[in-house]
Every structure is written in structure tokens, then in C-alpha cells.
Amino acid sequence: MMELEAHGPDTFVAAGPRYPWGGLFGGQIVAQGLRAAAATVDGDYRVHSLHAYFIRAGDHAQPIRLEVDSLRNGRSFVTRAVVARQSTGAILNMSASFQIDEAATDVQAATPPEVDKPDALPPTAWSPMFDRRYVGADETGRATAWLRMSEGLADDPVLHACALAYLSDDTPTEAVAALHPGAGPSWSEHTFVSFSLDHAIWFHRPLDAATTDPDGWQLHDFRCHGLLSSRGLAVGQIFSGEAHVATVAQEVLLRPRRPAP
């Protein structure tokens, strides 16, 4: 999924699997967009943030064209803009920023919550692409899950960042649905439909041997900060072992399912 084919200067083509609902998974498009952006950046720079808008639903049967625009090449930071297109038009618009690591103060204030370990929880993945162990959600709008890719990753910091981006699109919707008084535990099957609207990630620490859980698990801990106009904002922290590796914010559209005609 992350093997992009070059199609001219700073342009790549990707593909994606079919998911249970049909179409494409938003985290996949973000991950592929990040992969494309990183392909135009010198390896000394590490991604530190991305901001994306989901514009249209994707079609798994069509190729995805990723167009990268080099907005800035600075000594410490570089910035890229990425547009993902299919035949219907743009499906994703994303900006990504990369920085050369600096020798500076490193203070971690966030700590992972005390929850059951993945081996104590049943598998809940909805795609063979990854493994998921859902810790649960509560009425305060908090949702927590363990996630990891199904296959081990090569020793490539860009690929590890892309994997985190892929997985980060799973739990925010659960937090939004948990806060909604009408959703209920089976909301996705019976009563509501959801769409990711926009997505932001701040990468704090690289996923390397010093910070990565040996079994590849990441703990995603999200809270919904409110609901308005069918939109809910979820903000979460991602941990690998004890390391706080990323912070994610996503706005989710959650609407009652329309009755069948």
C-alpha cells in the first residue's frame, strides 16, 4: 500500500484495498500523502506535523494521484503541500512540515493511562491491515484502543510515521460517538453514519528502537471535546511504550442514518 509509483516530477500514484464499507479509509490517504511528501524531502528532515482535509470519499477501484508542491526549503524546516486526486476530483488536501532534529530540552508531561494490556482484550480489527484491541469508551467522550500494523515494518522512520498516521484515523470517531447521547454502543451498525472531516498530527518523538513497544503496539487515548452542528472534535495522545509519540486532533461528522427508501 505504501509503494508509490513515480509519475513525473513530485507526482506519485498509489492504490488502496477495499474496506468493509466500500471506498477508502481516510488514514490510508493521509499515510500515502505523507509518504509522497517525504519522498521529496532530504532524509535529514523528520516530519513533525501534518494537517489534512478530507474532501470527497475515495474509490478503492481507482488509482490515487498524489501531487506534491514544495512550498518551502529552509535550513531547519521544509514544507510540502499534497493533493490526492481521483476521477471525481481532489479527495484530500494536506500540508506537512519537516524539521531537522535539534539538540534541545526534551520534557514529556503526558503519561499513558492504566488500562488492560492488549493480550487481555479480544481482537476487534475491521481490516486485515492492522490489529486492534479496543479498551472501551465511556459517556464522557473518552475512547481508548491498542493498535498496530498486522505486518512488521522495515527500519524506516518515514514508514513508521506513515503507519502511525494510518492508525490515527481509527479511534477519534469512537470518542465522538461515545459523547453523543443518541449513538449507543452499536451506533455504526444501526443508527449513525460518520465521516472524518479534517485531521492533524503532531509527531513528538521518532518511532525507533528507543521508543517503540517491542510488540509494535500503540495506545491511542482520545477525548471528544464537544458536539455542534453534527460535528465532534476529538483530541488524543498516542503512546508507544511509555513514550508520548504523537498528538492527534480530528473533527468528525456524525449524523443519524437515513431510513432506506
C-alpha atoms as a PDB file:
ATOM      1  CA  MET A   1       0.000   0.000   0.000  1.00  0.00           C
ATOM      2  CA  MET A   2       2.907   2.359   0.681  1.00  0.00           C
ATOM      3  CA  GLU A   3       4.801   1.580  -2.523  1.00  0.00           C
ATOM      4  CA  LEU A   4       4.222   4.688  -4.614  1.00  0.00           C
ATOM      5  CA  GLU A   5       4.869   4.812  -8.338  1.00  0.00           C
ATOM      6  CA  ALA A   6       6.528   7.971  -9.680  1.00  0.00           C
ATOM      7  CA  HIS A   7       4.552   9.741 -12.420  1.00  0.00           C
ATOM      8  CA  GLY A   8       6.572  12.821 -13.299  1.00  0.00           C
ATOM      9  CA  PRO A   9       8.203  15.451 -11.070  1.00  0.00           C
ATOM     10  CA  ASP A  10       6.882  15.300  -7.479  1.00  0.00           C
ATOM     11  CA  THR A  11       3.878  13.245  -8.599  1.00  0.00           C
ATOM     12  CA  PHE A  12       3.093   9.708  -7.454  1.00  0.00           C
ATOM     13  CA  VAL A  13       0.372   7.116  -7.926  1.00  0.00           C
ATOM     14  CA  ALA A  14      -0.893   4.869  -5.150  1.00  0.00           C
ATOM     15  CA  ALA A  15      -3.590   2.256  -4.666  1.00  0.00           C
ATOM     16  CA  GLY A  16      -5.602   1.023  -1.728  1.00  0.00           C
ATOM     17  CA  PRO A  17      -7.525  -2.054  -0.612  1.00  0.00           C
ATOM     18  CA  ARG A  18     -11.286  -2.279  -0.332  1.00  0.00           C
ATOM     19  CA  TYR A  19     -12.657  -1.759   3.166  1.00  0.00           C
ATOM     20  CA  PRO A  20     -15.847  -3.232   4.695  1.00  0.00           C
ATOM     21  CA  TRP A  21     -17.926  -0.137   3.892  1.00  0.00           C
ATOM     22  CA  GLY A  22     -16.500   0.191   0.382  1.00  0.00           C
ATOM     23  CA  GLY A  23     -14.381   3.139  -0.687  1.00  0.00           C
ATOM     24  CA  LEU A  24     -11.142   4.107   1.055  1.00  0.00           C
ATOM     25  CA  PHE A  25     -10.027   4.671   4.643  1.00  0.00           C
ATOM     26  CA  GLY A  26      -9.054   8.246   5.425  1.00  0.00           C
ATOM     27  CA  GLY A  27      -5.992   7.194   7.390  1.00  0.00           C
ATOM     28  CA  GLN A  28      -4.717   5.407   4.314  1.00  0.00           C
ATOM     29  CA  ILE A  29      -4.883   8.567   2.180  1.00  0.00           C
ATOM     30  CA  VAL A  30      -3.145  10.611   4.890  1.00  0.00           C
ATOM     31  CA  ALA A  31      -0.404   7.994   5.187  1.00  0.00           C
ATOM     32  CA  GLN A  32       0.119   7.855   1.427  1.00  0.00           C
ATOM     33  CA  GLY A  33       0.144  11.648   1.224  1.00  0.00           C
ATOM     34  CA  LEU A  34       2.801  11.772   3.939  1.00  0.00           C
ATOM     35  CA  ARG A  35       4.834   9.131   2.115  1.00  0.00           C
ATOM     36  CA  ALA A  36       4.663  11.182  -1.088  1.00  0.00           C
ATOM     37  CA  ALA A  37       5.665  14.403   0.699  1.00  0.00           C
ATOM     38  CA  ALA A  38       8.596  12.691   2.419  1.00  0.00           C
ATOM     39  CA  ALA A  39       9.830  11.380  -0.925  1.00  0.00           C
ATOM     40  CA  THR A  40      10.588  14.996  -1.922  1.00  0.00           C
ATOM     41  CA  VAL A  41      12.435  15.850   1.312  1.00  0.00           C
ATOM     42  CA  ASP A  42      16.062  15.219   2.258  1.00  0.00           C
ATOM     43  CA  GLY A  43      16.410  12.379   4.750  1.00  0.00           C
ATOM     44  CA  ASP A  44      17.897  14.634   7.427  1.00  0.00           C
ATOM     45  CA  TYR A  45      14.458  16.182   7.956  1.00  0.00           C
ATOM     46  CA  ARG A  46      11.845  14.400  10.097  1.00  0.00           C
ATOM     47  CA  VAL A  47       8.122  15.028   9.855  1.00  0.00           C
ATOM     48  CA  HIS A  48       6.846  16.999  12.837  1.00  0.00           C
ATOM     49  CA  SER A  49       3.271  17.836  11.796  1.00  0.00           C
ATOM     50  CA  LEU A  50       0.610  17.421   9.161  1.00  0.00           C
ATOM     51  CA  HIS A  51      -2.804  18.972   8.618  1.00  0.00           C
ATOM     52  CA  ALA A  52      -5.318  17.391   6.241  1.00  0.00           C
ATOM     53  CA  TYR A  53      -8.846  17.950   4.924  1.00  0.00           C
ATOM     54  CA  PHE A  54     -10.907  15.049   3.618  1.00  0.00           C
ATOM     55  CA  ILE A  55     -12.742  16.476   0.614  1.00  0.00           C
ATOM     56  CA  ARG A  56     -14.502  13.554  -1.086  1.00  0.00           C
ATOM     57  CA  ALA A  57     -14.933   9.854  -0.475  1.00  0.00           C
ATOM     58  CA  GLY A  58     -12.308   7.762  -2.251  1.00  0.00           C
ATOM     59  CA  ASP A  59     -12.878   4.839  -4.609  1.00  0.00           C
ATOM     60  CA  HIS A  60     -10.763   1.734  -3.953  1.00  0.00           C
ATOM     61  CA  ALA A  61     -11.104   0.673  -7.611  1.00  0.00           C
ATOM     62  CA  GLN A  62      -9.326   3.785  -8.912  1.00  0.00           C
ATOM     63  CA  PRO A  63      -5.651   4.819  -8.653  1.00  0.00           C
ATOM     64  CA  ILE A  64      -4.826   7.733  -6.353  1.00  0.00           C
ATOM     65  CA  ARG A  65      -2.730  10.524  -7.862  1.00  0.00           C
ATOM     66  CA  LEU A  66      -0.608  12.352  -5.270  1.00  0.00           C
ATOM     67  CA  GLU A  67       0.690  15.761  -6.348  1.00  0.00           C
ATOM     68  CA  VAL A  68       3.347  17.356  -4.120  1.00  0.00           C
ATOM     69  CA  ASP A  69       4.159  21.080  -4.101  1.00  0.00           C
ATOM     70  CA  SER A  70       7.433  22.172  -2.467  1.00  0.00           C
ATOM     71  CA  LEU A  71       6.301  25.296  -0.632  1.00  0.00           C
ATOM     72  CA  ARG A  72       9.491  25.995   1.310  1.00  0.00           C
ATOM     73  CA  ASN A  73      13.010  24.621   1.658  1.00  0.00           C
ATOM     74  CA  GLY A  74      14.616  26.190   4.712  1.00  0.00           C
ATOM     75  CA  ARG A  75      17.699  25.318   6.702  1.00  0.00           C
ATOM     76  CA  SER A  76      15.711  23.949   9.659  1.00  0.00           C
ATOM     77  CA  PHE A  77      12.219  23.395   8.246  1.00  0.00           C
ATOM     78  CA  VAL A  78      10.723  22.369   4.922  1.00  0.00           C
ATOM     79  CA  THR A  79       7.029  22.491   3.991  1.00  0.00           C
ATOM     80  CA  ARG A  80       5.090  20.460   1.463  1.00  0.00           C
ATOM     81  CA  ALA A  81       1.518  20.596   0.156  1.00  0.00           C
ATOM     82  CA  VAL A  82      -0.108  17.408  -1.152  1.00  0.00           C
ATOM     83  CA  VAL A  83      -3.322  16.976  -3.128  1.00  0.00           C
ATOM     84  CA  ALA A  84      -4.695  13.461  -3.643  1.00  0.00           C
ATOM     85  CA  ARG A  85      -6.919  13.148  -6.721  1.00  0.00           C
ATOM     86  CA  GLN A  86      -9.172  10.622  -8.395  1.00  0.00           C
ATOM     87  CA  SER A  87     -11.519  10.941 -11.358  1.00  0.00           C
ATOM     88  CA  THR A  88     -14.090  12.830  -9.272  1.00  0.00           C
ATOM     89  CA  GLY A  89     -11.514  15.472  -8.297  1.00  0.00           C
ATOM     90  CA  ALA A  90      -9.497  16.114  -5.156  1.00  0.00           C
ATOM     91  CA  ILE A  91     -10.191  13.703  -2.286  1.00  0.00           C
ATOM     92  CA  LEU A  92      -7.568  15.049   0.164  1.00  0.00           C
ATOM     93  CA  ASN A  93      -5.703  18.320   0.674  1.00  0.00           C
ATOM     94  CA  MET A  94      -2.788  18.147   3.104  1.00  0.00           C
ATOM     95  CA  SER A  95       0.193  20.177   4.289  1.00  0.00           C
ATOM     96  CA  ALA A  96       3.181  18.587   6.008  1.00  0.00           C
ATOM     97  CA  SER A  97       6.152  20.153   7.769  1.00  0.00           C
ATOM     98  CA  PHE A  98       9.553  18.559   8.375  1.00  0.00           C
ATOM     99  CA  GLN A  99      12.350  19.644  10.710  1.00  0.00           C
ATOM    100  CA  ILE A 100      15.978  18.736  11.285  1.00  0.00           C
ATOM    101  CA  ASP A 101      16.238  17.413  14.850  1.00  0.00           C
ATOM    102  CA  GLU A 102      17.838  19.902  17.226  1.00  0.00           C
ATOM    103  CA  ALA A 103      19.787  19.305  20.431  1.00  0.00           C
ATOM    104  CA  ALA A 104      17.326  20.911  22.860  1.00  0.00           C
ATOM    105  CA  THR A 105      15.304  20.270  26.009  1.00  0.00           C
ATOM    106  CA  ASP A 106      13.142  17.122  25.908  1.00  0.00           C
ATOM    107  CA  VAL A 107      10.390  17.057  28.541  1.00  0.00           C
ATOM    108  CA  GLN A 108       7.437  14.660  28.457  1.00  0.00           C
ATOM    109  CA  ALA A 109       4.432  15.709  30.545  1.00  0.00           C
ATOM    110  CA  ALA A 110       1.888  13.156  29.258  1.00  0.00           C
ATOM    111  CA  THR A 111       1.770   9.608  30.620  1.00  0.00           C
ATOM    112  CA  PRO A 112      -0.193   6.633  29.259  1.00  0.00           C
ATOM    113  CA  PRO A 113      -3.359   5.669  31.139  1.00  0.00           C
ATOM    114  CA  GLU A 114      -3.543   2.488  33.170  1.00  0.00           C
ATOM    115  CA  VAL A 115      -5.573   0.077  31.013  1.00  0.00           C
ATOM    116  CA  ASP A 116      -5.734  -3.640  30.275  1.00  0.00           C
ATOM    117  CA  LYS A 117      -2.883  -4.909  28.105  1.00  0.00           C
ATOM    118  CA  PRO A 118      -3.624  -5.963  24.514  1.00  0.00           C
ATOM    119  CA  ASP A 119      -3.238  -9.691  25.239  1.00  0.00           C
ATOM    120  CA  ALA A 120      -6.088  -9.447  27.760  1.00  0.00           C
ATOM    121  CA  LEU A 121      -8.519  -7.983  25.214  1.00  0.00           C
ATOM    122  CA  PRO A 122     -10.337  -9.605  22.257  1.00  0.00           C
ATOM    123  CA  PRO A 123      -9.384  -8.708  18.659  1.00  0.00           C
ATOM    124  CA  THR A 124     -11.664  -6.021  17.195  1.00  0.00           C
ATOM    125  CA  ALA A 125      -9.959  -5.111  13.904  1.00  0.00           C
ATOM    126  CA  TRP A 126     -12.242  -4.366  10.949  1.00  0.00           C
ATOM    127  CA  SER A 127      -9.456  -4.754   8.361  1.00  0.00           C
ATOM    128  CA  PRO A 128      -6.638  -7.299   7.903  1.00  0.00           C
ATOM    129  CA  MET A 129      -4.254  -4.351   7.526  1.00  0.00           C
ATOM    130  CA  PHE A 130      -3.938  -3.897  11.299  1.00  0.00           C
ATOM    131  CA  ASP A 131      -4.562  -5.459  14.697  1.00  0.00           C
ATOM    132  CA  ARG A 132      -6.904  -3.683  17.114  1.00  0.00           C
ATOM    133  CA  ARG A 133      -7.783  -4.306  20.749  1.00  0.00           C
ATOM    134  CA  TYR A 134     -10.500  -1.936  21.903  1.00  0.00           C
ATOM    135  CA  VAL A 135     -10.187  -0.919  25.539  1.00  0.00           C
ATOM    136  CA  GLY A 136     -13.565   0.855  25.544  1.00  0.00           C
ATOM    137  CA  ALA A 137     -15.367   4.179  25.718  1.00  0.00           C
ATOM    138  CA  ASP A 138     -17.476   5.993  28.287  1.00  0.00           C
ATOM    139  CA  GLU A 139     -20.185   8.655  28.349  1.00  0.00           C
ATOM    140  CA  THR A 140     -17.639  11.406  28.967  1.00  0.00           C
ATOM    141  CA  GLY A 141     -16.450  11.020  25.387  1.00  0.00           C
ATOM    142  CA  ARG A 142     -13.253   9.121  26.092  1.00  0.00           C
ATOM    143  CA  ALA A 143     -12.231   6.187  23.876  1.00  0.00           C
ATOM    144  CA  THR A 144      -9.058   4.111  24.119  1.00  0.00           C
ATOM    145  CA  ALA A 145      -7.642   1.369  21.912  1.00  0.00           C
ATOM    146  CA  TRP A 146      -4.472  -0.573  21.239  1.00  0.00           C
ATOM    147  CA  LEU A 147      -3.446  -0.580  17.562  1.00  0.00           C
ATOM    148  CA  ARG A 148      -0.593  -1.965  15.475  1.00  0.00           C
ATOM    149  CA  MET A 149       0.031  -2.861  11.860  1.00  0.00           C
ATOM    150  CA  SER A 150      -0.503  -6.538  11.025  1.00  0.00           C
ATOM    151  CA  GLU A 151       2.953  -6.895   9.496  1.00  0.00           C
ATOM    152  CA  GLY A 152       6.221  -5.704  10.953  1.00  0.00           C
ATOM    153  CA  LEU A 153       7.742  -2.553   9.475  1.00  0.00           C
ATOM    154  CA  ALA A 154      11.183  -2.066   7.994  1.00  0.00           C
ATOM    155  CA  ASP A 155      13.655   0.120   9.889  1.00  0.00           C
ATOM    156  CA  ASP A 156      12.454   3.241   8.075  1.00  0.00           C
ATOM    157  CA  PRO A 157      11.402   6.282  10.173  1.00  0.00           C
ATOM    158  CA  VAL A 158       9.197   7.600   7.355  1.00  0.00           C
ATOM    159  CA  LEU A 159       7.353   4.281   7.114  1.00  0.00           C
ATOM    160  CA  HIS A 160       6.817   4.227  10.883  1.00  0.00           C
ATOM    161  CA  ALA A 161       5.407   7.766  10.777  1.00  0.00           C
ATOM    162  CA  CYS A 162       3.102   6.741   7.925  1.00  0.00           C
ATOM    163  CA  ALA A 163       1.903   3.728   9.925  1.00  0.00           C
ATOM    164  CA  LEU A 164       1.068   5.980  12.871  1.00  0.00           C
ATOM    165  CA  ALA A 165      -0.804   8.324  10.526  1.00  0.00           C
ATOM    166  CA  TYR A 166      -2.746   5.369   9.126  1.00  0.00           C
ATOM    167  CA  LEU A 167      -3.782   4.074  12.552  1.00  0.00           C
ATOM    168  CA  SER A 168      -4.582   7.529  13.964  1.00  0.00           C
ATOM    169  CA  ASP A 169      -7.843   7.737  11.993  1.00  0.00           C
ATOM    170  CA  ASP A 170      -9.499   4.877  13.898  1.00  0.00           C
ATOM    171  CA  THR A 171     -10.250   5.941  17.481  1.00  0.00           C
ATOM    172  CA  PRO A 172     -11.359   9.613  17.140  1.00  0.00           C
ATOM    173  CA  THR A 173     -14.779   8.610  15.803  1.00  0.00           C
ATOM    174  CA  GLU A 174     -15.315   6.273  18.756  1.00  0.00           C
ATOM    175  CA  ALA A 175     -14.742   9.188  21.138  1.00  0.00           C
ATOM    176  CA  VAL A 176     -17.227  11.402  19.299  1.00  0.00           C
ATOM    177  CA  ALA A 177     -19.865   8.655  19.227  1.00  0.00           C
ATOM    178  CA  ALA A 178     -19.311   7.977  22.938  1.00  0.00           C
ATOM    179  CA  LEU A 179     -20.223  11.556  23.831  1.00  0.00           C
ATOM    180  CA  HIS A 180     -23.307  11.657  21.589  1.00  0.00           C
ATOM    181  CA  PRO A 181     -26.388  10.873  23.741  1.00  0.00           C
ATOM    182  CA  GLY A 182     -28.221   9.158  20.876  1.00  0.00           C
ATOM    183  CA  ALA A 183     -25.470   6.994  19.408  1.00  0.00           C
ATOM    184  CA  GLY A 184     -25.304   3.969  21.690  1.00  0.00           C
ATOM    185  CA  PRO A 185     -22.807   1.090  21.598  1.00  0.00           C
ATOM    186  CA  SER A 186     -23.893  -0.175  18.138  1.00  0.00           C
ATOM    187  CA  TRP A 187     -24.109   3.242  16.503  1.00  0.00           C
ATOM    188  CA  SER A 188     -22.040   2.367  13.424  1.00  0.00           C
ATOM    189  CA  GLU A 189     -24.181  -0.647  12.568  1.00  0.00           C
ATOM    190  CA  HIS A 190     -27.656   0.702  13.086  1.00  0.00           C
ATOM    191  CA  THR A 191     -28.239   4.349  13.868  1.00  0.00           C
ATOM    192  CA  PHE A 192     -25.478   6.706  12.711  1.00  0.00           C
ATOM    193  CA  VAL A 193     -23.035   7.299   9.880  1.00  0.00           C
ATOM    194  CA  SER A 194     -19.718   9.104  10.291  1.00  0.00           C
ATOM    195  CA  PHE A 195     -17.154  10.857   8.127  1.00  0.00           C
ATOM    196  CA  SER A 196     -13.733  12.258   9.004  1.00  0.00           C
ATOM    197  CA  LEU A 197     -13.644  15.962   8.087  1.00  0.00           C
ATOM    198  CA  ASP A 198     -10.126  17.078   8.924  1.00  0.00           C
ATOM    199  CA  HIS A 199      -7.134  15.599  10.662  1.00  0.00           C
ATOM    200  CA  ALA A 200      -3.987  16.948  12.305  1.00  0.00           C
ATOM    201  CA  ILE A 201      -0.989  15.126  13.763  1.00  0.00           C
ATOM    202  CA  TRP A 202       1.952  16.473  15.732  1.00  0.00           C
ATOM    203  CA  PHE A 203       4.800  13.951  15.814  1.00  0.00           C
ATOM    204  CA  HIS A 204       6.793  14.376  19.020  1.00  0.00           C
ATOM    205  CA  ARG A 205       9.279  11.516  19.160  1.00  0.00           C
ATOM    206  CA  PRO A 206      10.534   9.268  16.375  1.00  0.00           C
ATOM    207  CA  LEU A 207       9.358   5.676  16.461  1.00  0.00           C
ATOM    208  CA  ASP A 208      12.721   3.967  16.788  1.00  0.00           C
ATOM    209  CA  ALA A 209      14.232   1.269  18.982  1.00  0.00           C
ATOM    210  CA  ALA A 210      14.440   3.671  21.923  1.00  0.00           C
ATOM    211  CA  THR A 211      10.737   4.493  21.998  1.00  0.00           C
ATOM    212  CA  THR A 212       8.864   1.696  20.231  1.00  0.00           C
ATOM    213  CA  ASP A 213       6.956  -1.023  22.047  1.00  0.00           C
ATOM    214  CA  PRO A 214       8.728  -4.305  21.186  1.00  0.00           C
ATOM    215  CA  ASP A 215       5.442  -5.863  20.009  1.00  0.00           C
ATOM    216  CA  GLY A 216       4.544  -2.858  17.868  1.00  0.00           C
ATOM    217  CA  TRP A 217       1.520  -1.769  19.913  1.00  0.00           C
ATOM    218  CA  GLN A 218       0.461   1.861  20.166  1.00  0.00           C
ATOM    219  CA  LEU A 219      -2.034   3.077  22.757  1.00  0.00           C
ATOM    220  CA  HIS A 220      -4.485   5.629  21.316  1.00  0.00           C
ATOM    221  CA  ASP A 221      -6.299   7.621  24.005  1.00  0.00           C
ATOM    222  CA  PHE A 222      -8.896  10.156  22.741  1.00  0.00           C
ATOM    223  CA  ARG A 223     -11.434  12.527  24.250  1.00  0.00           C
ATOM    224  CA  CYS A 224     -14.265  14.297  22.447  1.00  0.00           C
ATOM    225  CA  HIS A 225     -14.283  18.000  23.374  1.00  0.00           C
ATOM    226  CA  GLY A 226     -17.835  18.750  22.225  1.00  0.00           C
ATOM    227  CA  LEU A 227     -20.603  18.323  19.643  1.00  0.00           C
ATOM    228  CA  LEU A 228     -22.090  21.024  17.421  1.00  0.00           C
ATOM    229  CA  SER A 229     -23.773  21.083  14.005  1.00  0.00           C
ATOM    230  CA  SER A 230     -23.275  17.287  13.640  1.00  0.00           C
ATOM    231  CA  ARG A 231     -19.522  17.771  14.208  1.00  0.00           C
ATOM    232  CA  GLY A 232     -17.485  16.433  17.099  1.00  0.00           C
ATOM    233  CA  LEU A 233     -13.882  17.308  17.904  1.00  0.00           C
ATOM    234  CA  ALA A 234     -11.673  14.536  19.278  1.00  0.00           C
ATOM    235  CA  VAL A 235      -8.163  15.167  20.597  1.00  0.00           C
ATOM    236  CA  GLY A 236      -5.922  12.307  21.581  1.00  0.00           C
ATOM    237  CA  GLN A 237      -2.477  11.182  22.602  1.00  0.00           C
ATOM    238  CA  ILE A 238      -0.604   8.237  21.128  1.00  0.00           C
ATOM    239  CA  PHE A 239       1.877   6.287  23.207  1.00  0.00           C
ATOM    240  CA  SER A 240       4.422   3.658  22.226  1.00  0.00           C
ATOM    241  CA  GLY A 241       5.561   2.005  25.398  1.00  0.00           C
ATOM    242  CA  GLU A 242       5.929   4.878  27.860  1.00  0.00           C
ATOM    243  CA  ALA A 243       6.835   7.397  25.149  1.00  0.00           C
ATOM    244  CA  HIS A 244       4.340  10.045  24.066  1.00  0.00           C
ATOM    245  CA  VAL A 245       4.988   9.849  20.325  1.00  0.00           C
ATOM    246  CA  ALA A 246       2.175  11.951  18.846  1.00  0.00           C
ATOM    247  CA  THR A 247      -0.870  14.143  19.472  1.00  0.00           C
ATOM    248  CA  VAL A 248      -3.841  13.968  17.099  1.00  0.00           C
ATOM    249  CA  ALA A 249      -6.899  16.166  16.564  1.00  0.00           C
ATOM    250  CA  GLN A 250      -9.769  15.230  14.301  1.00  0.00           C
ATOM    251  CA  GLU A 251     -13.209  16.662  13.586  1.00  0.00           C
ATOM    252  CA  VAL A 252     -15.819  14.014  12.809  1.00  0.00           C
ATOM    253  CA  LEU A 253     -19.206  14.410  11.126  1.00  0.00           C
ATOM    254  CA  LEU A 254     -21.756  12.185  12.898  1.00  0.00           C
ATOM    255  CA  ARG A 255     -25.285  12.063  11.509  1.00  0.00           C
ATOM    256  CA  PRO A 256     -28.339   9.831  12.050  1.00  0.00           C
ATOM    257  CA  ARG A 257     -28.601   7.179   9.359  1.00  0.00           C
ATOM    258  CA  ARG A 258     -31.319   7.973   6.822  1.00  0.00           C
ATOM    259  CA  PRO A 259     -34.066   5.357   6.525  1.00  0.00           C
ATOM    260  CA  ALA A 260     -33.890   3.164   3.449  1.00  0.00           C
ATOM    261  CA  PRO A 261     -36.261   4.334   0.660  1.00  0.00           C
END
